[in-house]
N, C-alpha and C. Protein backbone atom coordinates (compact mmCIF):
# COMPACT_ATOMS: atom_id res chain seq x y z
N MET A 1 0.84 -1.19 0.00
CA MET A 1 0.00 0.00 0.00
C MET A 1 0.88 1.24 0.00
N ASP A 2 0.66 2.13 -0.94
CA ASP A 2 1.43 3.35 -1.06
C ASP A 2 0.80 4.42 -0.17
N MET A 3 1.53 4.81 0.86
CA MET A 3 0.99 5.80 1.80
C MET A 3 1.64 7.15 1.56
N THR A 4 0.85 8.21 1.63
CA THR A 4 1.41 9.55 1.53
C THR A 4 2.00 9.94 2.88
N ILE A 5 2.69 11.05 2.93
CA ILE A 5 3.28 11.52 4.19
C ILE A 5 2.19 11.75 5.22
N ASN A 6 1.05 12.33 4.80
CA ASN A 6 -0.04 12.58 5.74
C ASN A 6 -0.60 11.28 6.30
N ASP A 7 -0.71 10.25 5.46
CA ASP A 7 -1.18 8.95 5.93
C ASP A 7 -0.20 8.38 6.96
N GLU A 8 1.08 8.56 6.72
CA GLU A 8 2.09 8.06 7.65
C GLU A 8 2.01 8.80 8.98
N LYS A 9 1.81 10.12 8.93
CA LYS A 9 1.66 10.91 10.16
C LYS A 9 0.42 10.46 10.94
N LEU A 10 -0.67 10.25 10.21
CA LEU A 10 -1.90 9.79 10.85
C LEU A 10 -1.69 8.42 11.49
N GLN A 11 -1.05 7.52 10.78
CA GLN A 11 -0.80 6.19 11.31
C GLN A 11 0.09 6.25 12.55
N ASP A 12 1.07 7.16 12.54
CA ASP A 12 1.94 7.34 13.70
C ASP A 12 1.13 7.78 14.93
N ILE A 13 0.19 8.67 14.72
CA ILE A 13 -0.68 9.12 15.82
C ILE A 13 -1.55 7.96 16.31
N LEU A 14 -2.18 7.25 15.39
CA LEU A 14 -3.08 6.16 15.76
C LEU A 14 -2.34 5.03 16.47
N ASN A 15 -1.09 4.79 16.11
CA ASN A 15 -0.31 3.74 16.75
C ASN A 15 -0.06 4.00 18.23
N LYS A 16 -0.20 5.25 18.66
CA LYS A 16 0.01 5.62 20.06
C LYS A 16 -1.28 5.52 20.87
N LEU A 17 -2.38 5.20 20.21
CA LEU A 17 -3.69 5.13 20.87
C LEU A 17 -4.15 3.69 20.99
N THR A 18 -5.22 3.50 21.75
CA THR A 18 -5.83 2.18 21.91
C THR A 18 -7.10 2.13 21.07
N LEU A 19 -7.21 1.09 20.24
CA LEU A 19 -8.40 0.90 19.42
C LEU A 19 -9.37 -0.02 20.14
N SER A 20 -10.55 0.51 20.48
CA SER A 20 -11.57 -0.27 21.19
C SER A 20 -12.36 -1.13 20.21
N ASN A 21 -13.14 -2.06 20.74
CA ASN A 21 -13.98 -2.93 19.91
C ASN A 21 -15.00 -2.14 19.09
N ASP A 22 -15.35 -0.94 19.56
CA ASP A 22 -16.33 -0.13 18.82
C ASP A 22 -15.70 0.67 17.69
N GLY A 23 -14.39 0.50 17.46
CA GLY A 23 -13.71 1.18 16.37
C GLY A 23 -13.25 2.59 16.71
N ILE A 24 -13.34 2.97 17.99
CA ILE A 24 -12.94 4.31 18.43
C ILE A 24 -11.58 4.25 19.11
N TYR A 25 -10.67 5.12 18.69
CA TYR A 25 -9.35 5.21 19.30
C TYR A 25 -9.43 6.10 20.53
N SER A 26 -8.65 5.77 21.57
CA SER A 26 -8.65 6.59 22.78
C SER A 26 -7.33 6.41 23.53
N TYR A 27 -7.17 7.20 24.57
CA TYR A 27 -6.03 7.05 25.48
C TYR A 27 -6.39 7.67 26.82
N ASP A 28 -5.72 7.23 27.86
CA ASP A 28 -5.92 7.78 29.20
C ASP A 28 -5.02 9.01 29.38
N PHE A 29 -5.55 10.02 30.02
CA PHE A 29 -4.76 11.21 30.28
C PHE A 29 -5.28 11.92 31.52
N ASN A 30 -4.45 12.74 32.09
CA ASN A 30 -4.84 13.58 33.22
C ASN A 30 -4.89 15.02 32.74
N ASN A 31 -5.95 15.71 33.09
CA ASN A 31 -6.10 17.09 32.67
C ASN A 31 -6.49 17.91 33.89
N ILE A 32 -5.51 18.39 34.60
CA ILE A 32 -5.72 19.15 35.83
C ILE A 32 -6.53 20.42 35.56
N ASP A 33 -6.27 21.08 34.43
CA ASP A 33 -6.95 22.34 34.13
C ASP A 33 -8.46 22.18 33.99
N GLN A 34 -8.92 21.00 33.60
CA GLN A 34 -10.36 20.79 33.39
C GLN A 34 -10.94 19.83 34.42
N GLU A 35 -10.27 19.68 35.55
CA GLU A 35 -10.73 18.73 36.56
C GLU A 35 -12.16 19.02 37.03
N GLY A 36 -12.49 20.30 37.25
CA GLY A 36 -13.85 20.65 37.68
C GLY A 36 -14.89 20.28 36.64
N GLU A 37 -14.59 20.57 35.38
CA GLU A 37 -15.50 20.24 34.28
C GLU A 37 -15.69 18.72 34.17
N ILE A 38 -14.60 17.99 34.31
CA ILE A 38 -14.67 16.53 34.21
C ILE A 38 -15.54 15.96 35.34
N LYS A 39 -15.35 16.46 36.55
CA LYS A 39 -16.16 15.98 37.69
C LYS A 39 -17.63 16.30 37.48
N LEU A 40 -17.93 17.50 36.97
CA LEU A 40 -19.32 17.87 36.69
C LEU A 40 -19.93 16.94 35.65
N ARG A 41 -19.21 16.66 34.58
CA ARG A 41 -19.72 15.78 33.52
C ARG A 41 -19.93 14.36 34.05
N GLU A 42 -19.00 13.88 34.86
CA GLU A 42 -19.15 12.54 35.42
C GLU A 42 -20.36 12.48 36.35
N SER A 43 -20.55 13.52 37.14
CA SER A 43 -21.71 13.59 38.04
C SER A 43 -23.01 13.58 37.25
N GLU A 44 -23.06 14.37 36.19
CA GLU A 44 -24.26 14.42 35.36
C GLU A 44 -24.50 13.09 34.65
N ALA A 45 -23.41 12.46 34.21
CA ALA A 45 -23.54 11.19 33.48
C ALA A 45 -24.08 10.08 34.38
N ASN A 46 -23.88 10.20 35.67
CA ASN A 46 -24.34 9.17 36.59
C ASN A 46 -25.80 9.33 37.01
N LYS A 47 -26.43 10.42 36.62
CA LYS A 47 -27.83 10.65 36.97
C LYS A 47 -28.73 9.76 36.10
N THR A 48 -29.89 9.42 36.64
CA THR A 48 -30.89 8.69 35.87
C THR A 48 -32.14 9.57 35.73
N TYR A 49 -32.84 9.37 34.64
CA TYR A 49 -34.02 10.19 34.35
C TYR A 49 -35.17 9.28 33.94
N ASP A 50 -36.39 9.75 34.19
CA ASP A 50 -37.57 9.01 33.75
C ASP A 50 -37.72 9.08 32.23
N ASN A 51 -37.34 10.22 31.66
CA ASN A 51 -37.50 10.41 30.22
C ASN A 51 -36.22 11.04 29.67
N TYR A 52 -35.35 10.21 29.13
CA TYR A 52 -34.07 10.69 28.62
C TYR A 52 -34.24 11.62 27.42
N PHE A 53 -35.22 11.35 26.57
CA PHE A 53 -35.43 12.20 25.39
C PHE A 53 -35.82 13.62 25.80
N ASP A 54 -36.66 13.74 26.82
CA ASP A 54 -37.07 15.06 27.30
C ASP A 54 -35.85 15.80 27.85
N THR A 55 -35.05 15.13 28.63
CA THR A 55 -33.85 15.75 29.21
C THR A 55 -32.86 16.14 28.13
N LEU A 56 -32.62 15.25 27.18
CA LEU A 56 -31.68 15.53 26.10
C LEU A 56 -32.14 16.72 25.27
N SER A 57 -33.43 16.84 25.04
CA SER A 57 -33.93 17.92 24.21
C SER A 57 -33.69 19.29 24.84
N LYS A 58 -33.48 19.34 26.13
CA LYS A 58 -33.23 20.61 26.82
C LYS A 58 -31.76 21.01 26.80
N HIS A 59 -30.90 20.09 26.43
CA HIS A 59 -29.46 20.34 26.54
C HIS A 59 -28.68 20.07 25.26
N HIS A 60 -29.33 19.69 24.20
CA HIS A 60 -28.61 19.33 22.99
C HIS A 60 -29.46 19.69 21.77
N SER A 61 -28.82 20.28 20.79
CA SER A 61 -29.54 20.65 19.58
C SER A 61 -28.89 19.96 18.39
N ILE A 62 -29.52 18.91 17.92
CA ILE A 62 -28.98 18.18 16.78
C ILE A 62 -28.93 19.07 15.53
N PRO A 63 -29.97 19.87 15.24
CA PRO A 63 -29.87 20.74 14.06
C PRO A 63 -28.68 21.72 14.15
N VAL A 64 -28.42 22.25 15.32
CA VAL A 64 -27.29 23.18 15.48
C VAL A 64 -25.98 22.43 15.25
N MET A 65 -25.83 21.26 15.82
CA MET A 65 -24.59 20.49 15.65
C MET A 65 -24.43 20.04 14.20
N ASN A 66 -25.51 19.62 13.57
CA ASN A 66 -25.43 19.24 12.15
C ASN A 66 -24.95 20.40 11.30
N ARG A 67 -25.46 21.60 11.59
CA ARG A 67 -25.04 22.79 10.85
C ARG A 67 -23.55 23.04 11.05
N GLU A 68 -23.07 22.95 12.29
CA GLU A 68 -21.65 23.18 12.57
C GLU A 68 -20.76 22.16 11.89
N VAL A 69 -21.19 20.91 11.92
CA VAL A 69 -20.41 19.85 11.27
C VAL A 69 -20.38 20.09 9.76
N LYS A 70 -21.50 20.47 9.20
CA LYS A 70 -21.57 20.71 7.75
C LYS A 70 -20.65 21.87 7.37
N LEU A 71 -20.66 22.96 8.14
CA LEU A 71 -19.78 24.09 7.87
C LEU A 71 -18.32 23.66 7.93
N PHE A 72 -17.98 22.87 8.93
CA PHE A 72 -16.62 22.37 9.08
C PHE A 72 -16.22 21.51 7.89
N CYS A 73 -17.06 20.55 7.56
CA CYS A 73 -16.75 19.61 6.47
C CYS A 73 -16.63 20.31 5.13
N ASN A 74 -17.43 21.34 4.92
CA ASN A 74 -17.38 22.06 3.65
C ASN A 74 -16.09 22.85 3.47
N ARG A 75 -15.36 23.07 4.56
CA ARG A 75 -14.06 23.76 4.48
C ARG A 75 -12.91 22.78 4.26
N MET A 76 -13.18 21.49 4.37
CA MET A 76 -12.13 20.48 4.22
C MET A 76 -11.91 20.15 2.75
N PRO A 77 -10.67 19.84 2.39
CA PRO A 77 -10.43 19.41 1.01
C PRO A 77 -11.07 18.05 0.75
N LYS A 78 -11.32 17.75 -0.51
CA LYS A 78 -11.91 16.46 -0.87
C LYS A 78 -11.05 15.33 -0.34
N ASN A 79 -11.69 14.30 0.21
CA ASN A 79 -11.05 13.10 0.77
C ASN A 79 -10.19 13.40 1.99
N ALA A 80 -10.47 14.50 2.69
CA ALA A 80 -9.73 14.82 3.92
C ALA A 80 -10.03 13.77 4.98
N LYS A 81 -9.08 13.53 5.84
CA LYS A 81 -9.29 12.63 6.97
C LYS A 81 -9.66 13.47 8.18
N ILE A 82 -10.69 13.07 8.89
CA ILE A 82 -11.17 13.82 10.05
C ILE A 82 -11.01 12.94 11.28
N ILE A 83 -10.36 13.47 12.29
CA ILE A 83 -10.23 12.77 13.56
C ILE A 83 -11.15 13.47 14.55
N ASP A 84 -12.17 12.79 15.00
CA ASP A 84 -13.11 13.33 15.97
C ASP A 84 -12.58 13.01 17.35
N VAL A 85 -12.11 14.02 18.08
CA VAL A 85 -11.55 13.80 19.41
C VAL A 85 -12.50 14.27 20.50
N GLY A 86 -13.77 14.46 20.13
CA GLY A 86 -14.76 14.90 21.11
C GLY A 86 -15.16 13.80 22.07
N GLY A 87 -15.90 14.18 23.07
CA GLY A 87 -16.36 13.22 24.08
C GLY A 87 -17.80 12.81 23.88
N GLY A 88 -18.39 13.17 22.77
CA GLY A 88 -19.79 12.84 22.53
C GLY A 88 -19.96 11.53 21.80
N ALA A 89 -21.15 11.32 21.34
CA ALA A 89 -21.50 10.09 20.66
C ALA A 89 -21.10 10.10 19.19
N GLY A 90 -20.60 11.20 18.70
CA GLY A 90 -20.17 11.28 17.30
C GLY A 90 -21.32 11.35 16.32
N VAL A 91 -22.48 11.75 16.80
CA VAL A 91 -23.67 11.75 15.94
C VAL A 91 -23.48 12.70 14.76
N GLY A 92 -23.04 13.92 15.01
CA GLY A 92 -22.88 14.88 13.93
C GLY A 92 -21.80 14.50 12.95
N ILE A 93 -20.63 14.19 13.45
CA ILE A 93 -19.51 13.85 12.57
C ILE A 93 -19.75 12.53 11.86
N GLY A 94 -20.61 11.68 12.41
CA GLY A 94 -20.93 10.43 11.77
C GLY A 94 -21.61 10.60 10.43
N ARG A 95 -22.23 11.75 10.22
CA ARG A 95 -22.89 12.05 8.95
C ARG A 95 -21.98 12.83 8.01
N ALA A 96 -20.73 13.01 8.38
CA ALA A 96 -19.82 13.86 7.61
C ALA A 96 -19.71 13.43 6.16
N SER A 97 -19.75 12.15 5.89
CA SER A 97 -19.59 11.68 4.51
C SER A 97 -20.73 12.13 3.62
N SER A 98 -21.86 12.54 4.21
CA SER A 98 -22.99 12.98 3.38
C SER A 98 -22.92 14.46 3.05
N TYR A 99 -21.92 15.18 3.58
CA TYR A 99 -21.82 16.62 3.30
C TYR A 99 -20.95 16.83 2.12
C-alpha cells in the first residue's frame, strides 16, 4: 500500500492510541486544568431520568450540531481525513460523509 506523508503521520498518531472494539481510538490522560468540568460531567452522566429524550432535548440541539459539522466539512479538502476527538457520541460527525 502506497501511503502519503499525511497517511504516515496519521498512522503514527493512531499507533500511540488504543483501538476499542467499537472502532474508536482513545487514550488515558490527566487534565488538571479541566478537573472541575470533568467531575461535573461525570456527576451528570451518573444521573438517571424518567425520560431521557425530554432531558436531552433541553441540553442538545442536533440541528445546530449538524449545521456546525456541515460548515466544518465544507471547508475540508476532498477526501480529507477527520479525527473526531470529542467526548460525545459522534452523531454529527458520523454524517460527515454525506456533506
